[in-house]
Amino acid sequence: MGEFVWSVCAVGHHQINMYTASLLMGGNVRVGLEDNLYLEKDVMAKNNAEQVAKVVRIARELGREPAAQDEPVKSWV
């Protein structure tokens, strides 16, 4: 069996907290405006890139390097 990869996709005002917890526990995250329109409390995100940049910053602060855009997803199958 290969390595099992798991991920969090959170919706709403606890989104960043859930992403941070996932990154701390070795999981992955999926972010986008379709899940949450806000960047932080009372601040609407202008676009997906703004949300992605925030999560990338948090990941790097936690010692995690984001996957490259063209990097294949690992699978347990």
N, C-alpha and C. Protein backbone atom coordinates (compact mmCIF):
# COMPACT_ATOMS: atom_id res chain seq x y z
N MET A 1 0.84 -1.18 0.00
CA MET A 1 0.00 0.00 0.00
C MET A 1 0.89 1.25 0.00
N GLY A 2 0.43 2.26 -0.69
CA GLY A 2 1.14 3.53 -0.74
C GLY A 2 0.80 4.41 0.44
N GLU A 3 1.34 5.60 0.42
CA GLU A 3 1.10 6.58 1.48
C GLU A 3 -0.31 7.16 1.35
N PHE A 4 -1.04 7.17 2.46
CA PHE A 4 -2.38 7.76 2.45
C PHE A 4 -2.27 9.27 2.64
N VAL A 5 -2.88 10.03 1.78
CA VAL A 5 -2.87 11.49 1.85
C VAL A 5 -4.27 11.96 2.18
N TRP A 6 -4.38 12.86 3.14
CA TRP A 6 -5.68 13.40 3.50
C TRP A 6 -5.65 14.91 3.44
N SER A 7 -6.84 15.48 3.40
CA SER A 7 -6.97 16.91 3.16
C SER A 7 -8.19 17.46 3.88
N VAL A 8 -8.16 18.76 4.15
CA VAL A 8 -9.29 19.46 4.74
C VAL A 8 -9.81 20.49 3.74
N CYS A 9 -11.11 20.51 3.58
CA CYS A 9 -11.79 21.55 2.81
C CYS A 9 -12.84 22.13 3.75
N ALA A 10 -12.59 23.31 4.29
CA ALA A 10 -13.48 23.90 5.29
C ALA A 10 -14.28 25.04 4.68
N VAL A 11 -15.46 25.25 5.25
CA VAL A 11 -16.36 26.29 4.78
C VAL A 11 -16.70 27.20 5.96
N GLY A 12 -16.67 28.51 5.73
CA GLY A 12 -17.13 29.44 6.75
C GLY A 12 -16.04 30.08 7.58
N HIS A 13 -16.46 30.67 8.69
CA HIS A 13 -15.54 31.53 9.44
C HIS A 13 -14.45 30.79 10.21
N HIS A 14 -14.49 29.49 10.31
CA HIS A 14 -13.40 28.73 10.94
C HIS A 14 -12.45 28.12 9.92
N GLN A 15 -12.59 28.52 8.68
CA GLN A 15 -11.82 27.93 7.59
C GLN A 15 -10.30 27.99 7.85
N ILE A 16 -9.77 29.15 8.14
CA ILE A 16 -8.32 29.29 8.33
C ILE A 16 -7.86 28.49 9.55
N ASN A 17 -8.66 28.46 10.61
CA ASN A 17 -8.30 27.66 11.78
C ASN A 17 -8.22 26.18 11.43
N MET A 18 -9.17 25.69 10.64
CA MET A 18 -9.16 24.28 10.24
C MET A 18 -7.98 23.98 9.33
N TYR A 19 -7.67 24.89 8.41
CA TYR A 19 -6.51 24.70 7.53
C TYR A 19 -5.23 24.63 8.34
N THR A 20 -5.10 25.53 9.31
CA THR A 20 -3.90 25.56 10.14
C THR A 20 -3.77 24.25 10.93
N ALA A 21 -4.88 23.77 11.49
CA ALA A 21 -4.85 22.50 12.22
C ALA A 21 -4.45 21.35 11.31
N SER A 22 -5.00 21.33 10.11
CA SER A 22 -4.65 20.28 9.15
C SER A 22 -3.16 20.30 8.83
N LEU A 23 -2.63 21.49 8.56
CA LEU A 23 -1.21 21.62 8.24
C LEU A 23 -0.34 21.18 9.41
N LEU A 24 -0.74 21.51 10.63
CA LEU A 24 0.01 21.10 11.81
C LEU A 24 0.01 19.58 11.99
N MET A 25 -1.06 18.92 11.56
CA MET A 25 -1.20 17.48 11.72
C MET A 25 -0.68 16.70 10.51
N GLY A 26 -0.09 17.40 9.53
CA GLY A 26 0.47 16.71 8.38
C GLY A 26 -0.49 16.55 7.22
N GLY A 27 -1.67 17.12 7.32
CA GLY A 27 -2.65 17.04 6.24
C GLY A 27 -2.44 18.12 5.20
N ASN A 28 -3.31 18.12 4.24
CA ASN A 28 -3.28 19.09 3.16
C ASN A 28 -4.55 19.94 3.23
N VAL A 29 -4.60 20.99 2.42
CA VAL A 29 -5.78 21.85 2.40
C VAL A 29 -6.17 22.17 0.96
N ARG A 30 -7.43 22.55 0.82
CA ARG A 30 -7.97 23.01 -0.46
C ARG A 30 -8.67 24.32 -0.16
N VAL A 31 -8.33 25.36 -0.89
CA VAL A 31 -8.87 26.69 -0.60
C VAL A 31 -9.46 27.30 -1.87
N GLY A 32 -10.51 28.11 -1.70
CA GLY A 32 -11.09 28.80 -2.84
C GLY A 32 -12.33 29.58 -2.46
N LEU A 33 -12.67 30.55 -3.28
CA LEU A 33 -13.83 31.40 -3.02
C LEU A 33 -15.14 30.62 -2.99
N GLU A 34 -15.17 29.46 -3.62
CA GLU A 34 -16.41 28.67 -3.60
C GLU A 34 -16.71 28.13 -2.20
N ASP A 35 -15.73 28.15 -1.31
CA ASP A 35 -15.91 27.67 0.06
C ASP A 35 -16.09 28.80 1.07
N ASN A 36 -15.53 29.95 0.79
CA ASN A 36 -15.59 31.07 1.72
C ASN A 36 -15.26 32.35 0.96
N LEU A 37 -16.10 33.34 1.07
CA LEU A 37 -15.86 34.62 0.38
C LEU A 37 -14.94 35.55 1.15
N TYR A 38 -14.64 35.21 2.40
CA TYR A 38 -13.88 36.12 3.26
C TYR A 38 -12.43 35.69 3.43
N LEU A 39 -11.56 36.68 3.52
CA LEU A 39 -10.15 36.46 3.79
C LEU A 39 -9.92 36.39 5.30
N GLU A 40 -10.64 37.20 6.02
CA GLU A 40 -10.64 37.23 7.48
C GLU A 40 -11.93 37.92 7.91
N LYS A 41 -12.13 38.05 9.21
CA LYS A 41 -13.38 38.64 9.71
C LYS A 41 -13.63 40.01 9.08
N ASP A 42 -14.79 40.15 8.47
CA ASP A 42 -15.24 41.41 7.87
C ASP A 42 -14.41 41.88 6.68
N VAL A 43 -13.54 41.02 6.13
CA VAL A 43 -12.72 41.39 4.97
C VAL A 43 -12.98 40.37 3.86
N MET A 44 -13.68 40.81 2.81
CA MET A 44 -13.94 39.91 1.69
C MET A 44 -12.68 39.73 0.85
N ALA A 45 -12.47 38.51 0.41
CA ALA A 45 -11.34 38.22 -0.48
C ALA A 45 -11.64 38.80 -1.86
N LYS A 46 -10.62 39.35 -2.50
CA LYS A 46 -10.79 39.90 -3.85
C LYS A 46 -10.82 38.80 -4.90
N ASN A 47 -10.12 37.69 -4.61
CA ASN A 47 -10.02 36.59 -5.57
C ASN A 47 -9.44 35.35 -4.89
N ASN A 48 -9.41 34.24 -5.61
CA ASN A 48 -8.83 33.00 -5.07
C ASN A 48 -7.36 33.18 -4.71
N ALA A 49 -6.63 33.92 -5.53
CA ALA A 49 -5.19 34.09 -5.31
C ALA A 49 -4.90 34.69 -3.95
N GLU A 50 -5.74 35.60 -3.51
CA GLU A 50 -5.55 36.23 -2.20
C GLU A 50 -5.70 35.20 -1.08
N GLN A 51 -6.68 34.32 -1.20
CA GLN A 51 -6.86 33.26 -0.20
C GLN A 51 -5.71 32.26 -0.25
N VAL A 52 -5.31 31.87 -1.44
CA VAL A 52 -4.21 30.92 -1.59
C VAL A 52 -2.93 31.50 -0.99
N ALA A 53 -2.65 32.77 -1.25
CA ALA A 53 -1.44 33.41 -0.71
C ALA A 53 -1.43 33.37 0.81
N LYS A 54 -2.59 33.57 1.44
CA LYS A 54 -2.66 33.53 2.91
C LYS A 54 -2.34 32.12 3.42
N VAL A 55 -2.92 31.11 2.79
CA VAL A 55 -2.69 29.74 3.24
C VAL A 55 -1.24 29.32 2.97
N VAL A 56 -0.67 29.75 1.86
CA VAL A 56 0.74 29.46 1.56
C VAL A 56 1.64 30.08 2.62
N ARG A 57 1.35 31.32 3.01
CA ARG A 57 2.15 31.98 4.05
C ARG A 57 2.08 31.19 5.36
N ILE A 58 0.87 30.79 5.75
CA ILE A 58 0.71 30.01 6.99
C ILE A 58 1.46 28.69 6.89
N ALA A 59 1.33 28.00 5.76
CA ALA A 59 2.02 26.71 5.57
C ALA A 59 3.53 26.88 5.72
N ARG A 60 4.07 27.89 5.09
CA ARG A 60 5.53 28.11 5.16
C ARG A 60 5.97 28.48 6.57
N GLU A 61 5.15 29.24 7.29
CA GLU A 61 5.48 29.56 8.68
C GLU A 61 5.49 28.32 9.55
N LEU A 62 4.73 27.31 9.15
CA LEU A 62 4.68 26.05 9.89
C LEU A 62 5.68 25.02 9.36
N GLY A 63 6.54 25.44 8.44
CA GLY A 63 7.56 24.54 7.91
C GLY A 63 7.07 23.61 6.82
N ARG A 64 5.94 23.93 6.21
CA ARG A 64 5.39 23.12 5.13
C ARG A 64 5.55 23.86 3.81
N GLU A 65 5.99 23.18 2.79
CA GLU A 65 6.14 23.79 1.48
C GLU A 65 4.97 23.37 0.60
N PRO A 66 4.26 24.32 0.02
CA PRO A 66 3.11 23.97 -0.84
C PRO A 66 3.55 23.17 -2.07
N ALA A 67 2.63 22.36 -2.56
CA ALA A 67 2.89 21.61 -3.78
C ALA A 67 2.96 22.57 -4.97
N ALA A 68 3.78 22.25 -5.92
CA ALA A 68 3.84 23.03 -7.15
C ALA A 68 2.56 22.79 -7.94
N GLN A 69 2.19 23.76 -8.76
CA GLN A 69 0.95 23.67 -9.52
C GLN A 69 0.89 22.42 -10.39
N ASP A 70 2.03 22.01 -10.94
CA ASP A 70 2.05 20.86 -11.84
C ASP A 70 2.47 19.56 -11.14
N GLU A 71 2.62 19.59 -9.82
CA GLU A 71 3.04 18.40 -9.07
C GLU A 71 1.87 17.41 -8.97
N PRO A 72 2.10 16.15 -9.32
CA PRO A 72 1.00 15.17 -9.23
C PRO A 72 0.58 14.94 -7.78
N VAL A 73 -0.70 14.66 -7.60
CA VAL A 73 -1.25 14.37 -6.28
C VAL A 73 -0.89 12.93 -5.92
N LYS A 74 -0.39 12.72 -4.70
CA LYS A 74 -0.10 11.37 -4.23
C LYS A 74 -1.40 10.65 -3.94
N SER A 75 -1.42 9.38 -4.14
CA SER A 75 -2.63 8.61 -3.92
C SER A 75 -2.31 7.34 -3.15
N TRP A 76 -3.26 6.86 -2.39
CA TRP A 76 -3.04 5.62 -1.64
C TRP A 76 -3.41 4.40 -2.46
N VAL A 77 -3.97 4.62 -3.65
CA VAL A 77 -4.37 3.50 -4.51
C VAL A 77 -3.17 2.97 -5.25
